[in-house]
Amino acid sequence: MSDPSRLPFEFHPLPLPTRTLSSSGVEIATYDLGKPGRAGIADQSVLFAHATGFCAAVWAPVTDQLEEYRRASLDFRGHGLSSIPAAGMDWSGTAEDVLAVVDALGLNKPFGVGHSMGGASLLLAEQMRPGTFSGLWVYEPIIFPMQDSGLEPTGLKIQDISSSNPLVASALRRRDTFPSRSAAEQNFASKPPLSDLCPAALRAYVEYGFEQLPDGSITLRCRPEIEADTYRMGARHSAFAHLGEVACPVTVARGHTKFPGPADLAPLISQALPSSTLEEFPALGHFGPLQDPVVVAEAVQSALAAASAGL
């Protein structure tokens, strides 16, 4: 993990989003972070996809370090400033959000960077429309083997997760209102899991992940019931069965494996992909991209260079 003195405390505010129409009539908040701000690869674009419960802005501490590329990000359906689907949070919809943003921004074979649900959604999007991406860097994507595959990681019961995901209950209990942004930031910084986030990522989450109410208090934009439904659907998509169809190079990254969780899935996902590298960050947890944006930006840059060299 980076020296704490290297971790950013501030981030560049996002530009005003545009609205992109996705499937089921959902409107996606789309952030075009602009063309390269310094000499770099002008024709290479990078699309960033966030994890469940978060929003596009939490990637800002990473995107700020990759100014040699055109960068874009999105709020998935039900998250941030995007609208809520009437039919629930099926993950095929989040993949369709990705494709809608690629088309709306005119991104030509972008490189995709995703965290957790965001990583899974990028892979699902590539499966839906092969050749969309030049390459992918995905951190602990939520992609479970089929229950009858015999590939269940030790300590991780896929049947239990599919039927009674503990994250669902946790989301439904989540505190969703605070008297102010500073109160929310102090609360999250004082206890895990969000105390793992670097200061800039936590600030971005509080700034963009909450809506201010008329009385000055703030409330979550990703409502607890939407977060719960997203978790509920996370073990029910079929991305794993189609990983062999993903032709672009993919780096599957993971943090430590101190506890059973998404990190245990990463080697299985990497092995099932035709062109994949497994990258390990033993000092980081599941929130790795939000913990150490410096080391993650360096890893993304290396993966981008490797993908470009292979074109």
C-alpha atoms as a PDB file:
ATOM      1  CA  MET A   1       0.000   0.000   0.000  1.00  0.00           C
ATOM      2  CA  SER A   2       1.169   3.518  -0.741  1.00  0.00           C
ATOM      3  CA  ASP A   3       2.721   5.742   1.879  1.00  0.00           C
ATOM      4  CA  PRO A   4      -0.282   7.505   3.513  1.00  0.00           C
ATOM      5  CA  SER A   5       1.333  10.843   2.712  1.00  0.00           C
ATOM      6  CA  ARG A   6       0.895  10.034  -1.005  1.00  0.00           C
ATOM      7  CA  LEU A   7      -2.846   9.423  -0.733  1.00  0.00           C
ATOM      8  CA  PRO A   8      -4.992  12.284  -2.020  1.00  0.00           C
ATOM      9  CA  PHE A   9      -7.136  14.327   0.365  1.00  0.00           C
ATOM     10  CA  GLU A  10      -8.971  16.246  -2.360  1.00  0.00           C
ATOM     11  CA  PHE A  11     -10.288  15.516  -5.835  1.00  0.00           C
ATOM     12  CA  HIS A  12     -11.378  17.498  -8.870  1.00  0.00           C
ATOM     13  CA  PRO A  13     -15.173  18.000  -8.834  1.00  0.00           C
ATOM     14  CA  LEU A  14     -17.027  16.228 -11.608  1.00  0.00           C
ATOM     15  CA  PRO A  15     -18.498  18.202 -14.511  1.00  0.00           C
ATOM     16  CA  LEU A  16     -22.269  18.398 -14.752  1.00  0.00           C
ATOM     17  CA  PRO A  17     -23.578  15.071 -16.060  1.00  0.00           C
ATOM     18  CA  THR A  18     -25.483  14.519 -19.262  1.00  0.00           C
ATOM     19  CA  ARG A  19     -28.475  12.162 -19.367  1.00  0.00           C
ATOM     20  CA  THR A  20     -28.119   8.952 -21.363  1.00  0.00           C
ATOM     21  CA  LEU A  21     -31.142   6.787 -22.131  1.00  0.00           C
ATOM     22  CA  SER A  22     -30.518   3.132 -21.264  1.00  0.00           C
ATOM     23  CA  SER A  23     -32.808   0.092 -21.350  1.00  0.00           C
ATOM     24  CA  SER A  24     -36.216   0.040 -19.634  1.00  0.00           C
ATOM     25  CA  GLY A  25     -36.420   3.816 -19.964  1.00  0.00           C
ATOM     26  CA  VAL A  26     -33.729   4.384 -17.331  1.00  0.00           C
ATOM     27  CA  GLU A  27     -31.763   7.627 -17.565  1.00  0.00           C
ATOM     28  CA  ILE A  28     -28.072   7.319 -16.732  1.00  0.00           C
ATOM     29  CA  ALA A  29     -26.016  10.204 -15.351  1.00  0.00           C
ATOM     30  CA  THR A  30     -22.985  10.246 -17.630  1.00  0.00           C
ATOM     31  CA  TYR A  31     -19.766  12.110 -16.865  1.00  0.00           C
ATOM     32  CA  ASP A  32     -17.414  13.029 -19.686  1.00  0.00           C
ATOM     33  CA  LEU A  33     -14.263  13.979 -17.803  1.00  0.00           C
ATOM     34  CA  GLY A  34     -12.690  15.417 -20.907  1.00  0.00           C
ATOM     35  CA  LYS A  35      -9.885  14.848 -23.325  1.00  0.00           C
ATOM     36  CA  PRO A  36      -6.290  14.447 -22.172  1.00  0.00           C
ATOM     37  CA  GLY A  37      -5.176  17.290 -19.920  1.00  0.00           C
ATOM     38  CA  ARG A  38      -1.529  16.619 -20.608  1.00  0.00           C
ATOM     39  CA  ALA A  39       0.465  15.061 -23.418  1.00  0.00           C
ATOM     40  CA  GLY A  40      -0.645  11.494 -23.789  1.00  0.00           C
ATOM     41  CA  ILE A  41      -2.641   9.024 -25.813  1.00  0.00           C
ATOM     42  CA  ALA A  42      -5.318  11.280 -27.268  1.00  0.00           C
ATOM     43  CA  ASP A  43      -7.276   8.502 -28.978  1.00  0.00           C
ATOM     44  CA  GLN A  44      -7.450   6.172 -25.938  1.00  0.00           C
ATOM     45  CA  SER A  45     -10.523   6.531 -23.757  1.00  0.00           C
ATOM     46  CA  VAL A  46     -11.113   4.920 -20.367  1.00  0.00           C
ATOM     47  CA  LEU A  47     -14.532   4.201 -18.857  1.00  0.00           C
ATOM     48  CA  PHE A  48     -14.833   3.789 -15.070  1.00  0.00           C
ATOM     49  CA  ALA A  49     -17.593   1.733 -13.425  1.00  0.00           C
ATOM     50  CA  HIS A  50     -18.332   1.879  -9.689  1.00  0.00           C
ATOM     51  CA  ALA A  51     -19.365  -0.715  -7.093  1.00  0.00           C
ATOM     52  CA  THR A  52     -22.802  -1.288  -5.566  1.00  0.00           C
ATOM     53  CA  GLY A  53     -23.951   1.553  -3.324  1.00  0.00           C
ATOM     54  CA  PHE A  54     -21.393   4.046  -4.615  1.00  0.00           C
ATOM     55  CA  CYS A  55     -21.370   6.461  -7.564  1.00  0.00           C
ATOM     56  CA  ALA A  56     -19.170   7.707 -10.392  1.00  0.00           C
ATOM     57  CA  ALA A  57     -17.401  10.302  -8.245  1.00  0.00           C
ATOM     58  CA  VAL A  58     -15.580   7.791  -6.050  1.00  0.00           C
ATOM     59  CA  TRP A  59     -13.291   7.080  -9.011  1.00  0.00           C
ATOM     60  CA  ALA A  60     -12.140  10.733  -9.091  1.00  0.00           C
ATOM     61  CA  PRO A  61      -8.977  10.126  -6.996  1.00  0.00           C
ATOM     62  CA  VAL A  62      -7.943   7.567  -9.639  1.00  0.00           C
ATOM     63  CA  THR A  63      -9.067   9.460 -12.740  1.00  0.00           C
ATOM     64  CA  ASP A  64      -7.236  12.579 -11.558  1.00  0.00           C
ATOM     65  CA  GLN A  65      -3.976  10.656 -12.028  1.00  0.00           C
ATOM     66  CA  LEU A  66      -4.752   9.476 -15.558  1.00  0.00           C
ATOM     67  CA  GLU A  67      -5.067  12.799 -17.350  1.00  0.00           C
ATOM     68  CA  GLU A  68      -3.193  11.559 -20.409  1.00  0.00           C
ATOM     69  CA  TYR A  69      -6.358   9.691 -21.440  1.00  0.00           C
ATOM     70  CA  ARG A  70      -9.900  10.723 -22.212  1.00  0.00           C
ATOM     71  CA  ARG A  71     -11.883   9.584 -19.163  1.00  0.00           C
ATOM     72  CA  ALA A  72     -15.574   8.975 -18.562  1.00  0.00           C
ATOM     73  CA  SER A  73     -17.701   7.469 -15.810  1.00  0.00           C
ATOM     74  CA  LEU A  74     -21.331   6.780 -15.019  1.00  0.00           C
ATOM     75  CA  ASP A  75     -23.787   6.417 -12.183  1.00  0.00           C
ATOM     76  CA  PHE A  76     -25.405   3.012 -12.626  1.00  0.00           C
ATOM     77  CA  ARG A  77     -29.198   2.760 -12.567  1.00  0.00           C
ATOM     78  CA  GLY A  78     -30.531   3.313  -9.062  1.00  0.00           C
ATOM     79  CA  HIS A  79     -27.282   5.004  -8.023  1.00  0.00           C
ATOM     80  CA  GLY A  80     -26.154   8.617  -7.846  1.00  0.00           C
ATOM     81  CA  LEU A  81     -28.159  10.855 -10.169  1.00  0.00           C
ATOM     82  CA  SER A  82     -29.432   8.050 -12.406  1.00  0.00           C
ATOM     83  CA  SER A  83     -33.067   6.993 -12.353  1.00  0.00           C
ATOM     84  CA  ILE A  84     -34.448   3.834 -10.758  1.00  0.00           C
ATOM     85  CA  PRO A  85     -35.648   0.951 -12.960  1.00  0.00           C
ATOM     86  CA  ALA A  86     -39.253  -0.082 -12.425  1.00  0.00           C
ATOM     87  CA  ALA A  87     -38.443  -3.763 -12.927  1.00  0.00           C
ATOM     88  CA  GLY A  88     -35.650  -4.083 -10.344  1.00  0.00           C
ATOM     89  CA  MET A  89     -31.866  -4.277 -10.416  1.00  0.00           C
ATOM     90  CA  ASP A  90     -31.153  -7.127 -12.832  1.00  0.00           C
ATOM     91  CA  TRP A  91     -27.448  -6.929 -13.723  1.00  0.00           C
ATOM     92  CA  SER A  92     -28.137  -7.254 -17.434  1.00  0.00           C
ATOM     93  CA  GLY A  93     -29.505  -3.735 -16.999  1.00  0.00           C
ATOM     94  CA  THR A  94     -26.243  -2.416 -15.558  1.00  0.00           C
ATOM     95  CA  ALA A  95     -24.400  -3.928 -18.534  1.00  0.00           C
ATOM     96  CA  GLU A  96     -26.842  -2.146 -20.834  1.00  0.00           C
ATOM     97  CA  ASP A  97     -26.071   1.076 -18.948  1.00  0.00           C
ATOM     98  CA  VAL A  98     -22.406   0.612 -19.866  1.00  0.00           C
ATOM     99  CA  LEU A  99     -23.188   0.077 -23.553  1.00  0.00           C
ATOM    100  CA  ALA A 100     -25.539   3.068 -23.609  1.00  0.00           C
ATOM    101  CA  VAL A 101     -22.792   5.326 -22.236  1.00  0.00           C
ATOM    102  CA  VAL A 102     -20.183   3.988 -24.677  1.00  0.00           C
ATOM    103  CA  ASP A 103     -22.540   4.795 -27.549  1.00  0.00           C
ATOM    104  CA  ALA A 104     -23.687   8.175 -26.223  1.00  0.00           C
ATOM    105  CA  LEU A 105     -20.125   9.422 -25.784  1.00  0.00           C
ATOM    106  CA  GLY A 106     -18.912   7.899 -29.039  1.00  0.00           C
ATOM    107  CA  LEU A 107     -16.149   5.968 -27.285  1.00  0.00           C
ATOM    108  CA  ASN A 108     -14.179   3.868 -29.767  1.00  0.00           C
ATOM    109  CA  LYS A 109     -13.015   0.642 -28.115  1.00  0.00           C
ATOM    110  CA  PRO A 110     -12.486   2.199 -24.693  1.00  0.00           C
ATOM    111  CA  PHE A 111     -10.519   0.514 -21.931  1.00  0.00           C
ATOM    112  CA  GLY A 112     -12.859  -0.398 -19.066  1.00  0.00           C
ATOM    113  CA  VAL A 113     -12.002  -0.094 -15.369  1.00  0.00           C
ATOM    114  CA  GLY A 114     -14.492  -1.542 -12.910  1.00  0.00           C
ATOM    115  CA  HIS A 115     -14.864  -2.320  -9.216  1.00  0.00           C
ATOM    116  CA  SER A 116     -17.054  -5.127  -7.853  1.00  0.00           C
ATOM    117  CA  MET A 117     -20.472  -4.762  -9.560  1.00  0.00           C
ATOM    118  CA  GLY A 118     -18.837  -2.326 -11.969  1.00  0.00           C
ATOM    119  CA  GLY A 119     -16.280  -4.914 -13.031  1.00  0.00           C
ATOM    120  CA  ALA A 120     -18.961  -7.554 -13.538  1.00  0.00           C
ATOM    121  CA  SER A 121     -21.051  -5.094 -15.549  1.00  0.00           C
ATOM    122  CA  LEU A 122     -18.126  -4.356 -17.872  1.00  0.00           C
ATOM    123  CA  LEU A 123     -17.600  -8.067 -18.506  1.00  0.00           C
ATOM    124  CA  LEU A 124     -21.331  -8.589 -19.066  1.00  0.00           C
ATOM    125  CA  ALA A 125     -21.319  -5.673 -21.525  1.00  0.00           C
ATOM    126  CA  GLU A 126     -18.392  -7.176 -23.452  1.00  0.00           C
ATOM    127  CA  GLN A 127     -20.262 -10.499 -23.576  1.00  0.00           C
ATOM    128  CA  MET A 128     -23.399  -8.764 -24.867  1.00  0.00           C
ATOM    129  CA  ARG A 129     -21.476  -6.899 -27.561  1.00  0.00           C
ATOM    130  CA  PRO A 130     -18.075  -8.476 -28.254  1.00  0.00           C
ATOM    131  CA  GLY A 131     -15.377  -6.061 -29.309  1.00  0.00           C
ATOM    132  CA  THR A 132     -16.743  -3.121 -27.334  1.00  0.00           C
ATOM    133  CA  PHE A 133     -13.595  -2.827 -25.201  1.00  0.00           C
ATOM    134  CA  SER A 134      -9.905  -2.837 -26.059  1.00  0.00           C
ATOM    135  CA  GLY A 135      -9.207  -4.303 -22.621  1.00  0.00           C
ATOM    136  CA  LEU A 136     -10.480  -4.408 -19.048  1.00  0.00           C
ATOM    137  CA  TRP A 137      -9.076  -3.961 -15.544  1.00  0.00           C
ATOM    138  CA  VAL A 138     -11.564  -5.298 -13.006  1.00  0.00           C
ATOM    139  CA  TYR A 139     -11.124  -5.365  -9.237  1.00  0.00           C
ATOM    140  CA  GLU A 140     -12.908  -8.264  -7.510  1.00  0.00           C
ATOM    141  CA  PRO A 141     -15.805  -8.457  -9.976  1.00  0.00           C
ATOM    142  CA  ILE A 142     -18.914 -10.137  -8.584  1.00  0.00           C
ATOM    143  CA  ILE A 143     -19.128 -13.140 -10.881  1.00  0.00           C
ATOM    144  CA  PHE A 144     -20.056 -16.446  -9.280  1.00  0.00           C
ATOM    145  CA  PRO A 145     -19.586 -19.876 -10.880  1.00  0.00           C
ATOM    146  CA  MET A 146     -22.795 -21.761 -11.540  1.00  0.00           C
ATOM    147  CA  GLN A 147     -23.905 -23.736  -8.493  1.00  0.00           C
ATOM    148  CA  ASP A 148     -23.382 -27.078 -10.262  1.00  0.00           C
ATOM    149  CA  SER A 149     -19.948 -26.187 -11.650  1.00  0.00           C
ATOM    150  CA  GLY A 150     -17.943 -27.696  -8.795  1.00  0.00           C
ATOM    151  CA  LEU A 151     -15.881 -24.497  -8.634  1.00  0.00           C
ATOM    152  CA  GLU A 152     -17.247 -23.114  -5.377  1.00  0.00           C
ATOM    153  CA  PRO A 153     -14.398 -21.466  -3.406  1.00  0.00           C
ATOM    154  CA  THR A 154     -13.713 -22.792   0.086  1.00  0.00           C
ATOM    155  CA  GLY A 155     -15.836 -20.996   2.670  1.00  0.00           C
ATOM    156  CA  LEU A 156     -18.039 -19.255   0.098  1.00  0.00           C
ATOM    157  CA  LYS A 157     -21.445 -20.911  -0.248  1.00  0.00           C
ATOM    158  CA  ILE A 158     -22.964 -19.784  -3.523  1.00  0.00           C
ATOM    159  CA  GLN A 159     -26.372 -21.284  -2.722  1.00  0.00           C
ATOM    160  CA  ASP A 160     -26.495 -19.317   0.535  1.00  0.00           C
ATOM    161  CA  ILE A 161     -25.483 -16.091  -1.211  1.00  0.00           C
ATOM    162  CA  SER A 162     -28.086 -16.576  -3.925  1.00  0.00           C
ATOM    163  CA  SER A 163     -30.953 -17.211  -1.510  1.00  0.00           C
ATOM    164  CA  SER A 164     -30.054 -15.222   1.613  1.00  0.00           C
ATOM    165  CA  ASN A 165     -27.223 -12.809   0.895  1.00  0.00           C
ATOM    166  CA  PRO A 166     -26.072 -11.252   4.204  1.00  0.00           C
ATOM    167  CA  LEU A 167     -25.300  -8.021   2.351  1.00  0.00           C
ATOM    168  CA  VAL A 168     -29.020  -7.648   1.643  1.00  0.00           C
ATOM    169  CA  ALA A 169     -29.864  -7.517   5.334  1.00  0.00           C
ATOM    170  CA  SER A 170     -26.944  -5.171   5.964  1.00  0.00           C
ATOM    171  CA  ALA A 171     -28.102  -2.780   3.232  1.00  0.00           C
ATOM    172  CA  LEU A 172     -31.647  -2.683   4.581  1.00  0.00           C
ATOM    173  CA  ARG A 173     -30.301  -1.695   8.001  1.00  0.00           C
ATOM    174  CA  ARG A 174     -28.064   1.036   6.578  1.00  0.00           C
ATOM    175  CA  ARG A 175     -28.399   4.488   8.059  1.00  0.00           C
ATOM    176  CA  ASP A 176     -29.535   6.679   5.190  1.00  0.00           C
ATOM    177  CA  THR A 177     -29.792  10.191   6.655  1.00  0.00           C
ATOM    178  CA  PHE A 178     -27.321  12.487   8.426  1.00  0.00           C
ATOM    179  CA  PRO A 179     -27.661  16.048   9.735  1.00  0.00           C
ATOM    180  CA  SER A 180     -24.861  17.280   7.440  1.00  0.00           C
ATOM    181  CA  ARG A 181     -22.130  16.140   5.064  1.00  0.00           C
ATOM    182  CA  SER A 182     -19.477  16.697   7.713  1.00  0.00           C
ATOM    183  CA  ALA A 183     -21.424  14.533  10.170  1.00  0.00           C
ATOM    184  CA  ALA A 184     -21.681  11.755   7.585  1.00  0.00           C
ATOM    185  CA  GLU A 185     -17.989  11.957   6.749  1.00  0.00           C
ATOM    186  CA  GLN A 186     -16.999  11.820  10.421  1.00  0.00           C
ATOM    187  CA  ASN A 187     -19.317   8.859  11.002  1.00  0.00           C
ATOM    188  CA  PHE A 188     -17.951   6.840   8.081  1.00  0.00           C
ATOM    189  CA  ALA A 189     -14.321   7.672   8.876  1.00  0.00           C
ATOM    190  CA  SER A 190     -14.723   6.370  12.418  1.00  0.00           C
ATOM    191  CA  LYS A 191     -15.582   2.727  11.694  1.00  0.00           C
ATOM    192  CA  PRO A 192     -15.211   0.007   9.081  1.00  0.00           C
ATOM    193  CA  PRO A 193     -15.786  -0.675   6.327  1.00  0.00           C
ATOM    194  CA  LEU A 194     -15.795   2.898   4.999  1.00  0.00           C
ATOM    195  CA  SER A 195     -12.979   3.924   7.322  1.00  0.00           C
ATOM    196  CA  ASP A 196     -10.773   1.994   4.871  1.00  0.00           C
ATOM    197  CA  LEU A 197     -11.405   4.604   2.173  1.00  0.00           C
ATOM    198  CA  CYS A 198      -8.759   7.237   1.511  1.00  0.00           C
ATOM    199  CA  PRO A 199      -9.875  10.765   2.469  1.00  0.00           C
ATOM    200  CA  ALA A 200     -10.521  11.892  -1.109  1.00  0.00           C
ATOM    201  CA  ALA A 201     -12.666   8.874  -2.001  1.00  0.00           C
ATOM    202  CA  LEU A 202     -14.697   9.190   1.197  1.00  0.00           C
ATOM    203  CA  ARG A 203     -15.230  12.893   0.537  1.00  0.00           C
ATOM    204  CA  ALA A 204     -16.336  12.160  -3.031  1.00  0.00           C
ATOM    205  CA  TYR A 205     -18.814   9.545  -1.777  1.00  0.00           C
ATOM    206  CA  VAL A 206     -20.344  11.922   0.758  1.00  0.00           C
ATOM    207  CA  GLU A 207     -20.451  14.806  -1.726  1.00  0.00           C
ATOM    208  CA  TYR A 208     -22.005  12.933  -4.655  1.00  0.00           C
ATOM    209  CA  GLY A 209     -23.636   9.893  -3.060  1.00  0.00           C
ATOM    210  CA  PHE A 210     -26.032  11.964  -0.926  1.00  0.00           C
ATOM    211  CA  GLU A 211     -28.761  14.471  -1.732  1.00  0.00           C
ATOM    212  CA  GLN A 212     -29.250  17.565   0.398  1.00  0.00           C
ATOM    213  CA  LEU A 213     -32.760  18.009   1.807  1.00  0.00           C
ATOM    214  CA  PRO A 214     -34.495  21.372   2.412  1.00  0.00           C
ATOM    215  CA  ASP A 215     -33.686  21.265   6.134  1.00  0.00           C
ATOM    216  CA  GLY A 216     -29.952  20.916   5.426  1.00  0.00           C
ATOM    217  CA  SER A 217     -29.727  17.215   6.234  1.00  0.00           C
ATOM    218  CA  ILE A 218     -28.562  14.713   3.616  1.00  0.00           C
ATOM    219  CA  THR A 219     -29.949  11.367   2.485  1.00  0.00           C
ATOM    220  CA  LEU A 220     -28.529   8.516   0.417  1.00  0.00           C
ATOM    221  CA  ARG A 221     -29.186   8.677  -3.304  1.00  0.00           C
ATOM    222  CA  CYS A 222     -28.823   4.899  -3.622  1.00  0.00           C
ATOM    223  CA  ARG A 223     -31.741   3.930  -1.405  1.00  0.00           C
ATOM    224  CA  PRO A 224     -31.176   0.960   0.952  1.00  0.00           C
ATOM    225  CA  GLU A 225     -33.841  -1.096  -0.830  1.00  0.00           C
ATOM    226  CA  ILE A 226     -32.122  -0.487  -4.195  1.00  0.00           C
ATOM    227  CA  GLU A 227     -28.733  -1.463  -2.771  1.00  0.00           C
ATOM    228  CA  ALA A 228     -30.311  -4.589  -1.263  1.00  0.00           C
ATOM    229  CA  ASP A 229     -31.936  -5.545  -4.574  1.00  0.00           C
ATOM    230  CA  THR A 230     -28.616  -5.042  -6.375  1.00  0.00           C
ATOM    231  CA  TYR A 231     -26.894  -7.433  -3.971  1.00  0.00           C
ATOM    232  CA  ARG A 232     -29.783  -9.880  -4.264  1.00  0.00           C
ATOM    233  CA  MET A 233     -29.360 -10.061  -8.027  1.00  0.00           C
ATOM    234  CA  GLY A 234     -25.564 -10.306  -7.898  1.00  0.00           C
ATOM    235  CA  ALA A 235     -25.461 -14.107  -7.750  1.00  0.00           C
ATOM    236  CA  ARG A 236     -28.162 -14.600 -10.376  1.00  0.00           C
ATOM    237  CA  HIS A 237     -26.538 -13.498 -13.627  1.00  0.00           C
ATOM    238  CA  SER A 238     -24.743 -15.895 -15.971  1.00  0.00           C
ATOM    239  CA  ALA A 239     -21.528 -14.000 -16.707  1.00  0.00           C
ATOM    240  CA  PHE A 240     -19.291 -16.839 -15.482  1.00  0.00           C
ATOM    241  CA  ALA A 241     -20.689 -19.301 -18.027  1.00  0.00           C
ATOM    242  CA  HIS A 242     -19.710 -16.950 -20.857  1.00  0.00           C
ATOM    243  CA  LEU A 243     -16.268 -15.771 -19.722  1.00  0.00           C
ATOM    244  CA  GLY A 244     -14.684 -17.861 -22.471  1.00  0.00           C
ATOM    245  CA  GLU A 245     -16.324 -15.554 -25.015  1.00  0.00           C
ATOM    246  CA  VAL A 246     -14.414 -12.473 -23.800  1.00  0.00           C
ATOM    247  CA  ALA A 247     -11.591 -12.002 -26.295  1.00  0.00           C
ATOM    248  CA  CYS A 248     -10.066  -8.728 -25.092  1.00  0.00           C
ATOM    249  CA  PRO A 249      -7.238  -8.801 -22.509  1.00  0.00           C
ATOM    250  CA  VAL A 250      -8.519  -8.644 -18.937  1.00  0.00           C
ATOM    251  CA  THR A 251      -6.617  -7.971 -15.725  1.00  0.00           C
ATOM    252  CA  VAL A 252      -8.510  -9.449 -12.781  1.00  0.00           C
ATOM    253  CA  ALA A 253      -7.283  -7.764  -9.606  1.00  0.00           C
ATOM    254  CA  ARG A 254      -7.933  -8.749  -6.025  1.00  0.00           C
ATOM    255  CA  GLY A 255      -7.053  -7.764  -2.488  1.00  0.00           C
ATOM    256  CA  HIS A 256      -6.260  -9.952   0.504  1.00  0.00           C
ATOM    257  CA  THR A 257      -8.081 -13.202   1.281  1.00  0.00           C
ATOM    258  CA  LYS A 258      -8.256 -12.907   5.072  1.00  0.00           C
ATOM    259  CA  PHE A 259     -12.002 -13.539   4.945  1.00  0.00           C
ATOM    260  CA  PRO A 260     -14.158 -15.474   2.443  1.00  0.00           C
ATOM    261  CA  GLY A 261     -15.444 -13.062  -0.159  1.00  0.00           C
ATOM    262  CA  PRO A 262     -15.102 -11.707  -3.709  1.00  0.00           C
ATOM    263  CA  ALA A 263     -11.296 -11.998  -3.642  1.00  0.00           C
ATOM    264  CA  ASP A 264     -11.721 -15.790  -3.642  1.00  0.00           C
ATOM    265  CA  LEU A 265     -13.564 -15.612  -6.952  1.00  0.00           C
ATOM    266  CA  ALA A 266     -10.830 -13.697  -8.782  1.00  0.00           C
ATOM    267  CA  PRO A 267      -8.564 -16.686  -9.651  1.00  0.00           C
ATOM    268  CA  LEU A 268     -11.550 -18.669 -10.957  1.00  0.00           C
ATOM    269  CA  ILE A 269     -12.626 -15.745 -13.126  1.00  0.00           C
ATOM    270  CA  SER A 270      -9.099 -15.182 -14.423  1.00  0.00           C
ATOM    271  CA  GLN A 271      -8.653 -18.866 -15.286  1.00  0.00           C
ATOM    272  CA  ALA A 272     -11.917 -18.909 -17.244  1.00  0.00           C
ATOM    273  CA  LEU A 273     -10.957 -15.915 -19.405  1.00  0.00           C
ATOM    274  CA  PRO A 274      -9.003 -16.600 -22.627  1.00  0.00           C
ATOM    275  CA  SER A 275      -6.576 -13.682 -22.169  1.00  0.00           C
ATOM    276  CA  SER A 276      -6.221 -12.753 -18.519  1.00  0.00           C
ATOM    277  CA  THR A 277      -3.738 -11.758 -15.845  1.00  0.00           C
ATOM    278  CA  LEU A 278      -4.377 -12.116 -12.110  1.00  0.00           C
ATOM    279  CA  GLU A 279      -3.034  -9.146 -10.146  1.00  0.00           C
ATOM    280  CA  GLU A 280      -2.773  -9.274  -6.351  1.00  0.00           C
ATOM    281  CA  PHE A 281      -2.844  -6.450  -3.798  1.00  0.00           C
ATOM    282  CA  PRO A 282      -2.398  -8.170  -0.416  1.00  0.00           C
ATOM    283  CA  ALA A 283      -2.424  -4.868   1.505  1.00  0.00           C
ATOM    284  CA  LEU A 284      -5.882  -3.938   0.200  1.00  0.00           C
ATOM    285  CA  GLY A 285      -9.399  -5.179   0.887  1.00  0.00           C
ATOM    286  CA  HIS A 286     -12.533  -5.301  -1.249  1.00  0.00           C
ATOM    287  CA  PHE A 287     -12.600  -1.494  -1.394  1.00  0.00           C
ATOM    288  CA  GLY A 288      -9.062  -1.446  -2.803  1.00  0.00           C
ATOM    289  CA  PRO A 289      -9.594   1.152  -5.574  1.00  0.00           C
ATOM    290  CA  LEU A 290     -11.004   3.536  -2.960  1.00  0.00           C
ATOM    291  CA  GLN A 291      -8.303   2.711  -0.398  1.00  0.00           C
ATOM    292  CA  ASP A 292      -5.224   3.384  -2.491  1.00  0.00           C
ATOM    293  CA  PRO A 293      -5.973   5.264  -5.713  1.00  0.00           C
ATOM    294  CA  VAL A 294      -2.253   5.850  -6.267  1.00  0.00           C
ATOM    295  CA  VAL A 295      -1.308   2.191  -6.584  1.00  0.00           C
ATOM    296  CA  VAL A 296      -4.524   1.406  -8.466  1.00  0.00           C
ATOM    297  CA  ALA A 297      -3.919   4.190 -11.004  1.00  0.00           C
ATOM    298  CA  GLU A 298      -0.417   2.818 -11.574  1.00  0.00           C
ATOM    299  CA  ALA A 299      -1.837  -0.676 -12.111  1.00  0.00           C
ATOM    300  CA  VAL A 300      -4.478   0.602 -14.526  1.00  0.00           C
ATOM    301  CA  GLN A 301      -1.829   2.506 -16.466  1.00  0.00           C
ATOM    302  CA  SER A 302       0.279  -0.642 -16.789  1.00  0.00           C
ATOM    303  CA  ALA A 303      -2.716  -2.667 -17.981  1.00  0.00           C
ATOM    304  CA  LEU A 304      -3.596   0.056 -20.482  1.00  0.00           C
ATOM    305  CA  ALA A 305      -0.072   0.029 -21.867  1.00  0.00           C
ATOM    306  CA  ALA A 306      -0.093  -3.759 -22.183  1.00  0.00           C
ATOM    307  CA  ALA A 307      -3.468  -3.758 -23.937  1.00  0.00           C
ATOM    308  CA  SER A 308      -2.332  -1.024 -26.331  1.00  0.00           C
ATOM    309  CA  ALA A 309       0.860  -2.916 -27.144  1.00  0.00           C
ATOM    310  CA  GLY A 310      -1.184  -5.976 -28.021  1.00  0.00           C
ATOM    311  CA  LEU A 311      -3.437  -4.177 -30.506  1.00  0.00           C
END
